[in-house]
Amino acid sequence: PDLELGVVVEMSAALALASEAQVSIAAVVLRACALALAEHPRANAAYRDGRFELYSGVNVALALEGSSPVIFDAADKPLAALGRELAELTQRAERGELRPPELSGATFTFADLGAFGIDRPSIVITPPQAAAVAAGTVRAVPIVSDGAIVPGHEMALALAADDRILNGTHAGAFIATVKRLLEGSRF
């Protein structure tokens, strides 16, 4: 039994952080997800044999075309290191150079569907994981700020969750934390 939640995130601060740190926007979103997983351990769990178990490490699978390499201990890595590892794993996946240990042990899945021009993403969970997040395209939009209309940027995020572990309340709290981190973008 799964549920899907979506949220729209104002991305101006996240774009500034990506530029400042010289990483992709996917790296910034991945970092926010990793930090939120550490804060909400039920999102970093599995359902096995009629019960759920919490993982101690945050190991994020990257949903790429043809493979899903894993960034191990993602919540413990600074943004610049995470960005470098994301870029390196993506390049190595494209060349077919990943080793089997790099493709197993994931506790969560992240997909950057914005890279394909998808505005409103959707994703399914990879059993036994409790959750997965997909990011859409960052779009330039008018934003209301302090009663004035100003230029801004938005991105849609989709969260899929196993309701047996991460019910609506827990799922909502998790995706709200990701949104808060991205909109604050000081992590």
N, C-alpha and C. Protein backbone atom coordinates (compact mmCIF):
# COMPACT_ATOMS: atom_id res chain seq x y z
N PRO A 1 0.83 -1.20 0.00
CA PRO A 1 0.00 0.00 0.00
C PRO A 1 0.87 1.26 0.00
N ASP A 2 0.72 2.04 -1.04
CA ASP A 2 1.55 3.23 -1.09
C ASP A 2 0.70 4.48 -1.25
N LEU A 3 1.31 5.61 -0.94
CA LEU A 3 0.65 6.89 -1.11
C LEU A 3 1.64 7.82 -1.79
N GLU A 4 1.10 8.82 -2.46
CA GLU A 4 1.96 9.80 -3.12
C GLU A 4 1.52 11.19 -2.70
N LEU A 5 2.50 12.01 -2.34
CA LEU A 5 2.27 13.40 -1.99
C LEU A 5 3.12 14.27 -2.90
N GLY A 6 2.61 15.45 -3.21
CA GLY A 6 3.37 16.39 -4.01
C GLY A 6 3.45 17.72 -3.30
N VAL A 7 4.51 18.46 -3.59
CA VAL A 7 4.69 19.78 -3.02
C VAL A 7 5.42 20.63 -4.06
N VAL A 8 5.11 21.92 -4.06
CA VAL A 8 5.81 22.87 -4.93
C VAL A 8 6.75 23.68 -4.04
N VAL A 9 7.99 23.78 -4.46
CA VAL A 9 9.03 24.43 -3.67
C VAL A 9 9.50 25.69 -4.40
N GLU A 10 9.61 26.80 -3.68
CA GLU A 10 10.20 28.02 -4.23
C GLU A 10 11.71 27.81 -4.20
N MET A 11 12.34 27.85 -5.37
CA MET A 11 13.72 27.38 -5.52
C MET A 11 14.78 28.47 -5.65
N SER A 12 14.44 29.72 -5.48
CA SER A 12 15.44 30.79 -5.68
C SER A 12 16.65 30.62 -4.77
N ALA A 13 16.44 30.33 -3.49
CA ALA A 13 17.55 30.14 -2.56
C ALA A 13 18.36 28.90 -2.91
N ALA A 14 17.68 27.84 -3.32
CA ALA A 14 18.38 26.60 -3.70
C ALA A 14 19.22 26.82 -4.95
N LEU A 15 18.72 27.58 -5.92
CA LEU A 15 19.49 27.88 -7.12
C LEU A 15 20.73 28.71 -6.78
N ALA A 16 20.57 29.66 -5.87
CA ALA A 16 21.72 30.46 -5.44
C ALA A 16 22.77 29.59 -4.76
N LEU A 17 22.32 28.66 -3.92
CA LEU A 17 23.24 27.76 -3.23
C LEU A 17 23.96 26.85 -4.23
N ALA A 18 23.24 26.32 -5.21
CA ALA A 18 23.87 25.47 -6.23
C ALA A 18 24.95 26.24 -7.00
N SER A 19 24.64 27.48 -7.33
CA SER A 19 25.62 28.31 -8.04
C SER A 19 26.83 28.60 -7.17
N GLU A 20 26.59 28.95 -5.92
CA GLU A 20 27.67 29.27 -4.98
C GLU A 20 28.56 28.05 -4.73
N ALA A 21 27.96 26.88 -4.57
CA ALA A 21 28.71 25.66 -4.28
C ALA A 21 29.22 24.97 -5.54
N GLN A 22 28.81 25.47 -6.70
CA GLN A 22 29.18 24.90 -8.00
C GLN A 22 28.79 23.43 -8.11
N VAL A 23 27.52 23.17 -7.76
CA VAL A 23 26.95 21.82 -7.89
C VAL A 23 25.64 21.94 -8.66
N SER A 24 25.13 20.81 -9.08
CA SER A 24 23.85 20.79 -9.78
C SER A 24 22.70 21.01 -8.81
N ILE A 25 21.57 21.42 -9.34
CA ILE A 25 20.39 21.57 -8.49
C ILE A 25 19.97 20.20 -7.96
N ALA A 26 20.23 19.14 -8.72
CA ALA A 26 19.91 17.78 -8.24
C ALA A 26 20.70 17.48 -6.97
N ALA A 27 21.95 17.94 -6.89
CA ALA A 27 22.76 17.72 -5.69
C ALA A 27 22.16 18.43 -4.49
N VAL A 28 21.65 19.64 -4.70
CA VAL A 28 21.04 20.39 -3.60
C VAL A 28 19.77 19.69 -3.12
N VAL A 29 18.94 19.21 -4.05
CA VAL A 29 17.72 18.50 -3.67
C VAL A 29 18.06 17.19 -2.97
N LEU A 30 19.05 16.48 -3.48
CA LEU A 30 19.50 15.24 -2.86
C LEU A 30 19.99 15.48 -1.44
N ARG A 31 20.73 16.57 -1.23
CA ARG A 31 21.21 16.91 0.12
C ARG A 31 20.04 17.20 1.06
N ALA A 32 19.06 17.94 0.58
CA ALA A 32 17.88 18.22 1.41
C ALA A 32 17.15 16.93 1.77
N CYS A 33 17.02 16.02 0.81
CA CYS A 33 16.37 14.73 1.09
C CYS A 33 17.16 13.93 2.12
N ALA A 34 18.49 13.90 1.97
CA ALA A 34 19.33 13.14 2.90
C ALA A 34 19.22 13.68 4.31
N LEU A 35 19.23 15.01 4.46
CA LEU A 35 19.09 15.61 5.79
C LEU A 35 17.71 15.34 6.37
N ALA A 36 16.68 15.40 5.53
CA ALA A 36 15.31 15.10 5.99
C ALA A 36 15.18 13.64 6.41
N LEU A 37 15.86 12.73 5.71
CA LEU A 37 15.83 11.31 6.08
C LEU A 37 16.45 11.11 7.47
N ALA A 38 17.52 11.83 7.75
CA ALA A 38 18.15 11.72 9.07
C ALA A 38 17.21 12.26 10.15
N GLU A 39 16.43 13.28 9.81
CA GLU A 39 15.51 13.89 10.77
C GLU A 39 14.23 13.07 10.95
N HIS A 40 13.85 12.32 9.91
CA HIS A 40 12.62 11.52 9.93
C HIS A 40 12.98 10.05 9.65
N PRO A 41 13.43 9.33 10.66
CA PRO A 41 13.94 7.97 10.43
C PRO A 41 12.93 7.00 9.83
N ARG A 42 11.63 7.24 10.02
CA ARG A 42 10.65 6.33 9.41
C ARG A 42 10.70 6.38 7.88
N ALA A 43 11.15 7.49 7.30
CA ALA A 43 11.28 7.60 5.85
C ALA A 43 12.50 6.83 5.35
N ASN A 44 13.41 6.51 6.26
CA ASN A 44 14.63 5.77 5.93
C ASN A 44 14.53 4.38 6.55
N ALA A 45 13.53 3.65 6.11
CA ALA A 45 13.21 2.35 6.71
C ALA A 45 12.80 1.36 5.64
N ALA A 46 12.48 0.15 6.08
CA ALA A 46 12.02 -0.90 5.16
C ALA A 46 10.89 -1.68 5.83
N TYR A 47 10.07 -2.31 5.01
CA TYR A 47 9.02 -3.20 5.49
C TYR A 47 9.41 -4.61 5.07
N ARG A 48 9.69 -5.45 6.06
CA ARG A 48 10.10 -6.83 5.80
C ARG A 48 9.40 -7.76 6.78
N ASP A 49 8.94 -8.87 6.27
CA ASP A 49 8.37 -9.92 7.11
C ASP A 49 7.30 -9.41 8.07
N GLY A 50 6.43 -8.54 7.59
CA GLY A 50 5.32 -8.06 8.40
C GLY A 50 5.67 -7.02 9.45
N ARG A 51 6.88 -6.46 9.39
CA ARG A 51 7.26 -5.43 10.35
C ARG A 51 8.20 -4.44 9.64
N PHE A 52 8.40 -3.30 10.27
CA PHE A 52 9.34 -2.36 9.66
C PHE A 52 10.61 -2.28 10.49
N GLU A 53 11.70 -1.95 9.78
CA GLU A 53 13.00 -1.79 10.43
C GLU A 53 13.60 -0.48 9.97
N LEU A 54 14.23 0.22 10.91
CA LEU A 54 14.88 1.49 10.60
C LEU A 54 16.32 1.23 10.21
N TYR A 55 16.79 1.95 9.19
CA TYR A 55 18.19 1.85 8.78
C TYR A 55 19.03 2.84 9.57
N SER A 56 20.27 2.48 9.84
CA SER A 56 21.15 3.41 10.56
C SER A 56 21.82 4.39 9.61
N GLY A 57 22.10 3.97 8.38
CA GLY A 57 22.74 4.85 7.40
C GLY A 57 21.74 5.33 6.37
N VAL A 58 22.00 6.51 5.81
CA VAL A 58 21.16 7.07 4.73
C VAL A 58 21.89 6.80 3.42
N ASN A 59 21.44 5.77 2.70
CA ASN A 59 22.06 5.35 1.45
C ASN A 59 21.07 5.58 0.31
N VAL A 60 21.35 6.58 -0.52
CA VAL A 60 20.39 7.03 -1.53
C VAL A 60 20.72 6.46 -2.90
N ALA A 61 19.77 5.73 -3.47
CA ALA A 61 19.90 5.24 -4.85
C ALA A 61 19.51 6.36 -5.80
N LEU A 62 20.28 6.51 -6.86
CA LEU A 62 19.99 7.48 -7.90
C LEU A 62 19.27 6.75 -9.02
N ALA A 63 18.03 7.10 -9.28
CA ALA A 63 17.27 6.45 -10.34
C ALA A 63 17.75 7.01 -11.68
N LEU A 64 18.67 6.29 -12.32
CA LEU A 64 19.22 6.69 -13.60
C LEU A 64 18.74 5.73 -14.68
N GLU A 65 18.93 6.10 -15.91
CA GLU A 65 18.53 5.24 -17.01
C GLU A 65 19.43 4.00 -17.02
N GLY A 66 18.84 2.85 -16.74
CA GLY A 66 19.56 1.59 -16.80
C GLY A 66 20.23 1.13 -15.52
N SER A 67 20.35 1.99 -14.51
CA SER A 67 20.98 1.56 -13.26
C SER A 67 20.58 2.51 -12.13
N SER A 68 20.88 2.07 -10.92
CA SER A 68 20.60 2.88 -9.73
C SER A 68 21.77 2.83 -8.77
N PRO A 69 22.85 3.58 -9.07
CA PRO A 69 23.99 3.58 -8.15
C PRO A 69 23.61 4.23 -6.82
N VAL A 70 24.32 3.85 -5.78
CA VAL A 70 23.99 4.29 -4.42
C VAL A 70 25.06 5.24 -3.88
N ILE A 71 24.60 6.34 -3.30
CA ILE A 71 25.48 7.22 -2.55
C ILE A 71 25.32 6.82 -1.09
N PHE A 72 26.37 6.24 -0.53
CA PHE A 72 26.34 5.75 0.84
C PHE A 72 26.57 6.88 1.83
N ASP A 73 25.87 6.82 2.96
CA ASP A 73 25.99 7.80 4.04
C ASP A 73 25.82 9.23 3.53
N ALA A 74 24.80 9.44 2.70
CA ALA A 74 24.55 10.73 2.05
C ALA A 74 24.31 11.86 3.05
N ALA A 75 23.69 11.57 4.17
CA ALA A 75 23.39 12.62 5.15
C ALA A 75 24.65 13.14 5.84
N ASP A 76 25.73 12.38 5.79
CA ASP A 76 26.97 12.76 6.45
C ASP A 76 27.93 13.53 5.55
N LYS A 77 27.56 13.68 4.27
CA LYS A 77 28.47 14.32 3.32
C LYS A 77 28.10 15.78 3.09
N PRO A 78 29.10 16.66 3.04
CA PRO A 78 28.81 18.06 2.72
C PRO A 78 28.34 18.19 1.27
N LEU A 79 27.68 19.29 0.98
CA LEU A 79 27.08 19.49 -0.34
C LEU A 79 28.09 19.34 -1.47
N ALA A 80 29.26 19.92 -1.36
CA ALA A 80 30.25 19.85 -2.44
C ALA A 80 30.66 18.41 -2.72
N ALA A 81 30.89 17.63 -1.67
CA ALA A 81 31.27 16.23 -1.84
C ALA A 81 30.12 15.43 -2.45
N LEU A 82 28.92 15.72 -2.00
CA LEU A 82 27.74 15.03 -2.55
C LEU A 82 27.58 15.35 -4.03
N GLY A 83 27.79 16.61 -4.40
CA GLY A 83 27.69 17.02 -5.79
C GLY A 83 28.72 16.32 -6.67
N ARG A 84 29.94 16.22 -6.17
CA ARG A 84 31.00 15.53 -6.94
C ARG A 84 30.67 14.06 -7.10
N GLU A 85 30.20 13.41 -6.02
CA GLU A 85 29.88 11.98 -6.10
C GLU A 85 28.69 11.72 -7.02
N LEU A 86 27.70 12.58 -6.97
CA LEU A 86 26.54 12.47 -7.86
C LEU A 86 26.98 12.56 -9.31
N ALA A 87 27.80 13.54 -9.64
CA ALA A 87 28.27 13.71 -11.02
C ALA A 87 29.12 12.53 -11.46
N GLU A 88 30.01 12.07 -10.57
CA GLU A 88 30.89 10.96 -10.93
C GLU A 88 30.11 9.66 -11.14
N LEU A 89 29.19 9.36 -10.23
CA LEU A 89 28.39 8.13 -10.39
C LEU A 89 27.52 8.19 -11.64
N THR A 90 26.97 9.34 -11.95
CA THR A 90 26.15 9.49 -13.16
C THR A 90 26.99 9.24 -14.41
N GLN A 91 28.18 9.81 -14.46
CA GLN A 91 29.07 9.60 -15.61
C GLN A 91 29.49 8.15 -15.74
N ARG A 92 29.84 7.55 -14.61
CA ARG A 92 30.27 6.14 -14.65
C ARG A 92 29.11 5.23 -15.02
N ALA A 93 27.90 5.57 -14.60
CA ALA A 93 26.72 4.77 -14.97
C ALA A 93 26.49 4.85 -16.48
N GLU A 94 26.66 6.03 -17.05
CA GLU A 94 26.48 6.21 -18.50
C GLU A 94 27.49 5.38 -19.28
N ARG A 95 28.69 5.22 -18.73
CA ARG A 95 29.74 4.43 -19.40
C ARG A 95 29.67 2.94 -19.04
N GLY A 96 28.76 2.54 -18.16
CA GLY A 96 28.63 1.14 -17.76
C GLY A 96 29.77 0.67 -16.88
N GLU A 97 30.34 1.56 -16.06
CA GLU A 97 31.51 1.24 -15.26
C GLU A 97 31.22 0.96 -13.78
N LEU A 98 29.97 0.82 -13.42
CA LEU A 98 29.64 0.60 -12.01
C LEU A 98 29.87 -0.84 -11.60
N ARG A 99 30.33 -1.02 -10.37
CA ARG A 99 30.55 -2.36 -9.82
C ARG A 99 29.33 -2.78 -9.01
N PRO A 100 29.07 -4.07 -8.86
CA PRO A 100 27.88 -4.53 -8.12
C PRO A 100 27.71 -3.93 -6.72
N PRO A 101 28.77 -3.75 -5.91
CA PRO A 101 28.55 -3.16 -4.59
C PRO A 101 28.00 -1.72 -4.65
N GLU A 102 28.24 -1.03 -5.75
CA GLU A 102 27.75 0.34 -5.91
C GLU A 102 26.27 0.40 -6.28
N LEU A 103 25.68 -0.76 -6.52
CA LEU A 103 24.29 -0.84 -6.96
C LEU A 103 23.37 -1.48 -5.93
N SER A 104 23.87 -1.69 -4.71
CA SER A 104 23.05 -2.33 -3.69
C SER A 104 23.18 -1.60 -2.36
N GLY A 105 22.25 -1.86 -1.47
CA GLY A 105 22.29 -1.28 -0.14
C GLY A 105 21.54 0.02 0.01
N ALA A 106 20.71 0.39 -0.97
CA ALA A 106 19.97 1.64 -0.90
C ALA A 106 18.86 1.57 0.15
N THR A 107 18.65 2.71 0.83
CA THR A 107 17.57 2.82 1.82
C THR A 107 16.48 3.78 1.36
N PHE A 108 16.71 4.45 0.22
CA PHE A 108 15.82 5.50 -0.30
C PHE A 108 16.21 5.71 -1.76
N THR A 109 15.27 6.19 -2.58
CA THR A 109 15.56 6.45 -3.99
C THR A 109 15.24 7.89 -4.35
N PHE A 110 16.11 8.51 -5.15
CA PHE A 110 15.93 9.86 -5.65
C PHE A 110 16.02 9.86 -7.17
N ALA A 111 15.08 10.55 -7.82
CA ALA A 111 15.09 10.67 -9.28
C ALA A 111 15.02 12.14 -9.67
N ASP A 112 15.91 12.57 -10.53
CA ASP A 112 15.90 13.93 -11.08
C ASP A 112 15.19 13.88 -12.43
N LEU A 113 13.87 13.99 -12.41
CA LEU A 113 13.11 13.94 -13.65
C LEU A 113 13.07 15.28 -14.35
N GLY A 114 13.49 16.33 -13.66
CA GLY A 114 13.61 17.64 -14.28
C GLY A 114 14.62 17.63 -15.42
N ALA A 115 15.61 16.76 -15.34
CA ALA A 115 16.60 16.64 -16.40
C ALA A 115 15.96 16.22 -17.72
N PHE A 116 14.75 15.65 -17.65
CA PHE A 116 14.03 15.23 -18.85
C PHE A 116 12.91 16.21 -19.21
N GLY A 117 12.87 17.35 -18.53
CA GLY A 117 11.86 18.36 -18.82
C GLY A 117 10.50 18.06 -18.23
N ILE A 118 10.44 17.20 -17.22
CA ILE A 118 9.17 16.83 -16.59
C ILE A 118 8.85 17.83 -15.50
N ASP A 119 7.73 18.54 -15.66
CA ASP A 119 7.32 19.55 -14.68
C ASP A 119 6.69 18.94 -13.44
N ARG A 120 5.81 17.98 -13.61
CA ARG A 120 5.07 17.36 -12.51
C ARG A 120 5.48 15.91 -12.40
N PRO A 121 6.49 15.63 -11.59
CA PRO A 121 7.03 14.27 -11.53
C PRO A 121 6.14 13.31 -10.74
N SER A 122 6.41 12.05 -10.95
CA SER A 122 5.77 10.97 -10.21
C SER A 122 6.83 9.88 -10.03
N ILE A 123 6.68 9.07 -9.00
CA ILE A 123 7.67 8.02 -8.74
C ILE A 123 6.99 6.90 -7.97
N VAL A 124 7.53 5.71 -8.04
CA VAL A 124 7.07 4.59 -7.22
C VAL A 124 8.21 4.19 -6.29
N ILE A 125 7.85 3.58 -5.16
CA ILE A 125 8.89 3.13 -4.23
C ILE A 125 9.49 1.82 -4.73
N THR A 126 10.72 1.58 -4.31
CA THR A 126 11.42 0.35 -4.61
C THR A 126 11.38 -0.50 -3.35
N PRO A 127 10.56 -1.56 -3.32
CA PRO A 127 10.50 -2.38 -2.11
C PRO A 127 11.87 -2.95 -1.77
N PRO A 128 12.22 -3.04 -0.53
CA PRO A 128 11.42 -2.80 0.67
C PRO A 128 11.50 -1.38 1.21
N GLN A 129 12.08 -0.44 0.43
CA GLN A 129 12.25 0.94 0.91
C GLN A 129 10.92 1.57 1.30
N ALA A 130 10.98 2.50 2.23
CA ALA A 130 9.78 3.18 2.70
C ALA A 130 9.38 4.34 1.81
N ALA A 131 10.35 4.94 1.07
CA ALA A 131 10.02 6.16 0.34
C ALA A 131 10.96 6.41 -0.82
N ALA A 132 10.49 7.27 -1.73
CA ALA A 132 11.27 7.74 -2.87
C ALA A 132 10.79 9.15 -3.22
N VAL A 133 11.70 9.97 -3.73
CA VAL A 133 11.36 11.33 -4.15
C VAL A 133 11.81 11.55 -5.58
N ALA A 134 10.95 12.22 -6.35
CA ALA A 134 11.30 12.65 -7.71
C ALA A 134 11.19 14.16 -7.77
N ALA A 135 12.16 14.78 -8.45
CA ALA A 135 12.19 16.22 -8.62
C ALA A 135 11.85 16.57 -10.06
N GLY A 136 11.07 17.62 -10.23
CA GLY A 136 10.70 18.08 -11.56
C GLY A 136 11.61 19.19 -12.04
N THR A 137 11.21 19.82 -13.12
CA THR A 137 11.96 20.93 -13.71
C THR A 137 11.82 22.19 -12.87
N VAL A 138 12.90 22.94 -12.76
CA VAL A 138 12.84 24.25 -12.13
C VAL A 138 12.31 25.22 -13.18
N ARG A 139 11.21 25.89 -12.85
CA ARG A 139 10.57 26.80 -13.79
C ARG A 139 10.58 28.23 -13.25
N ALA A 140 10.81 29.19 -14.15
CA ALA A 140 10.71 30.60 -13.78
C ALA A 140 9.23 30.95 -13.69
N VAL A 141 8.83 31.54 -12.56
CA VAL A 141 7.42 31.90 -12.32
C VAL A 141 7.35 33.19 -11.52
N PRO A 142 6.22 33.89 -11.62
CA PRO A 142 6.04 35.04 -10.72
C PRO A 142 5.70 34.54 -9.32
N ILE A 143 6.28 35.16 -8.31
CA ILE A 143 6.08 34.79 -6.92
C ILE A 143 5.55 36.01 -6.17
N VAL A 144 4.62 35.79 -5.26
CA VAL A 144 4.16 36.88 -4.40
C VAL A 144 5.03 36.88 -3.15
N SER A 145 5.71 38.01 -2.92
CA SER A 145 6.59 38.15 -1.77
C SER A 145 6.32 39.50 -1.11
N ASP A 146 5.90 39.46 0.14
CA ASP A 146 5.58 40.69 0.88
C ASP A 146 4.57 41.55 0.13
N GLY A 147 3.59 40.92 -0.51
CA GLY A 147 2.53 41.63 -1.20
C GLY A 147 2.89 42.11 -2.59
N ALA A 148 4.10 41.85 -3.05
CA ALA A 148 4.52 42.26 -4.39
C ALA A 148 4.79 41.03 -5.25
N ILE A 149 4.57 41.18 -6.54
CA ILE A 149 4.87 40.10 -7.47
C ILE A 149 6.30 40.29 -7.95
N VAL A 150 7.13 39.24 -7.74
CA VAL A 150 8.54 39.29 -8.09
C VAL A 150 8.91 38.04 -8.88
N PRO A 151 10.00 38.09 -9.64
CA PRO A 151 10.43 36.88 -10.35
C PRO A 151 10.90 35.82 -9.35
N GLY A 152 10.60 34.58 -9.64
CA GLY A 152 11.03 33.48 -8.78
C GLY A 152 11.17 32.20 -9.58
N HIS A 153 11.44 31.13 -8.88
CA HIS A 153 11.60 29.81 -9.50
C HIS A 153 10.90 28.77 -8.64
N GLU A 154 10.21 27.85 -9.28
CA GLU A 154 9.52 26.77 -8.56
C GLU A 154 9.88 25.42 -9.15
N MET A 155 9.78 24.42 -8.29
CA MET A 155 9.98 23.04 -8.71
C MET A 155 8.99 22.16 -7.95
N ALA A 156 8.41 21.20 -8.64
CA ALA A 156 7.52 20.24 -8.00
C ALA A 156 8.33 19.03 -7.54
N LEU A 157 8.00 18.54 -6.36
CA LEU A 157 8.57 17.30 -5.83
C LEU A 157 7.45 16.31 -5.62
N ALA A 158 7.70 15.05 -5.91
CA ALA A 158 6.74 13.98 -5.63
C ALA A 158 7.37 13.01 -4.66
N LEU A 159 6.63 12.63 -3.65
CA LEU A 159 7.06 11.64 -2.67
C LEU A 159 6.13 10.44 -2.78
N ALA A 160 6.71 9.27 -2.96
CA ALA A 160 5.96 8.03 -2.87
C ALA A 160 6.41 7.34 -1.58
N ALA A 161 5.45 6.81 -0.83
CA ALA A 161 5.78 6.21 0.46
C ALA A 161 4.97 4.95 0.68
N ASP A 162 5.55 4.00 1.41
CA ASP A 162 4.85 2.80 1.84
C ASP A 162 4.06 3.18 3.08
N ASP A 163 2.74 3.18 2.96
CA ASP A 163 1.86 3.63 4.04
C ASP A 163 1.97 2.78 5.30
N ARG A 164 2.48 1.57 5.19
CA ARG A 164 2.63 0.72 6.37
C ARG A 164 3.73 1.27 7.29
N ILE A 165 4.67 2.02 6.73
CA ILE A 165 5.78 2.57 7.50
C ILE A 165 5.63 4.08 7.67
N LEU A 166 5.35 4.72 6.57
CA LEU A 166 5.33 6.18 6.50
C LEU A 166 3.93 6.63 6.11
N ASN A 167 3.04 6.71 7.12
CA ASN A 167 1.65 7.08 6.83
C ASN A 167 1.57 8.55 6.41
N GLY A 168 0.38 9.02 6.13
CA GLY A 168 0.20 10.38 5.62
C GLY A 168 0.80 11.45 6.50
N THR A 169 0.67 11.33 7.79
CA THR A 169 1.22 12.32 8.72
C THR A 169 2.74 12.33 8.67
N HIS A 170 3.34 11.15 8.74
CA HIS A 170 4.80 11.05 8.67
C HIS A 170 5.31 11.50 7.31
N ALA A 171 4.64 11.08 6.24
CA ALA A 171 5.05 11.46 4.89
C ALA A 171 4.96 12.97 4.70
N GLY A 172 3.88 13.56 5.19
CA GLY A 172 3.71 15.01 5.09
C GLY A 172 4.80 15.75 5.84
N ALA A 173 5.16 15.28 7.01
CA ALA A 173 6.22 15.92 7.80
C ALA A 173 7.57 15.80 7.08
N PHE A 174 7.83 14.65 6.49
CA PHE A 174 9.09 14.44 5.77
C PHE A 174 9.20 15.40 4.58
N ILE A 175 8.19 15.43 3.70
CA ILE A 175 8.28 16.28 2.50
C ILE A 175 8.26 17.76 2.87
N ALA A 176 7.58 18.11 3.97
CA ALA A 176 7.61 19.49 4.45
C ALA A 176 9.01 19.89 4.90
N THR A 177 9.75 18.95 5.50
CA THR A 177 11.13 19.23 5.90
C THR A 177 12.01 19.43 4.68
N VAL A 178 11.83 18.60 3.65
CA VAL A 178 12.60 18.78 2.41
C VAL A 178 12.33 20.17 1.84
N LYS A 179 11.06 20.56 1.79
CA LYS A 179 10.67 21.88 1.27
C LYS A 179 11.30 22.99 2.11
N ARG A 180 11.22 22.89 3.41
CA ARG A 180 11.80 23.91 4.29
C ARG A 180 13.30 24.04 4.07
N LEU A 181 13.99 22.93 3.95
CA LEU A 181 15.43 22.96 3.74
C LEU A 181 15.77 23.61 2.39
N LEU A 182 15.04 23.27 1.35
CA LEU A 182 15.32 23.85 0.04
C LEU A 182 15.01 25.34 0.00
N GLU A 183 13.95 25.75 0.63
CA GLU A 183 13.59 27.16 0.61
C GLU A 183 14.51 28.00 1.50
N GLY A 184 15.09 27.37 2.52
CA GLY A 184 16.06 28.07 3.38
C GLY A 184 17.46 27.98 2.80
N SER A 185 17.78 26.82 2.23
CA SER A 185 19.03 26.53 1.53
C SER A 185 20.30 26.99 2.24
N ARG A 186 20.37 26.76 3.50
CA ARG A 186 21.60 27.01 4.25
C ARG A 186 21.93 25.74 5.01
N PHE A 187 22.40 24.74 4.31
CA PHE A 187 22.74 23.49 4.96
C PHE A 187 24.09 22.98 4.47
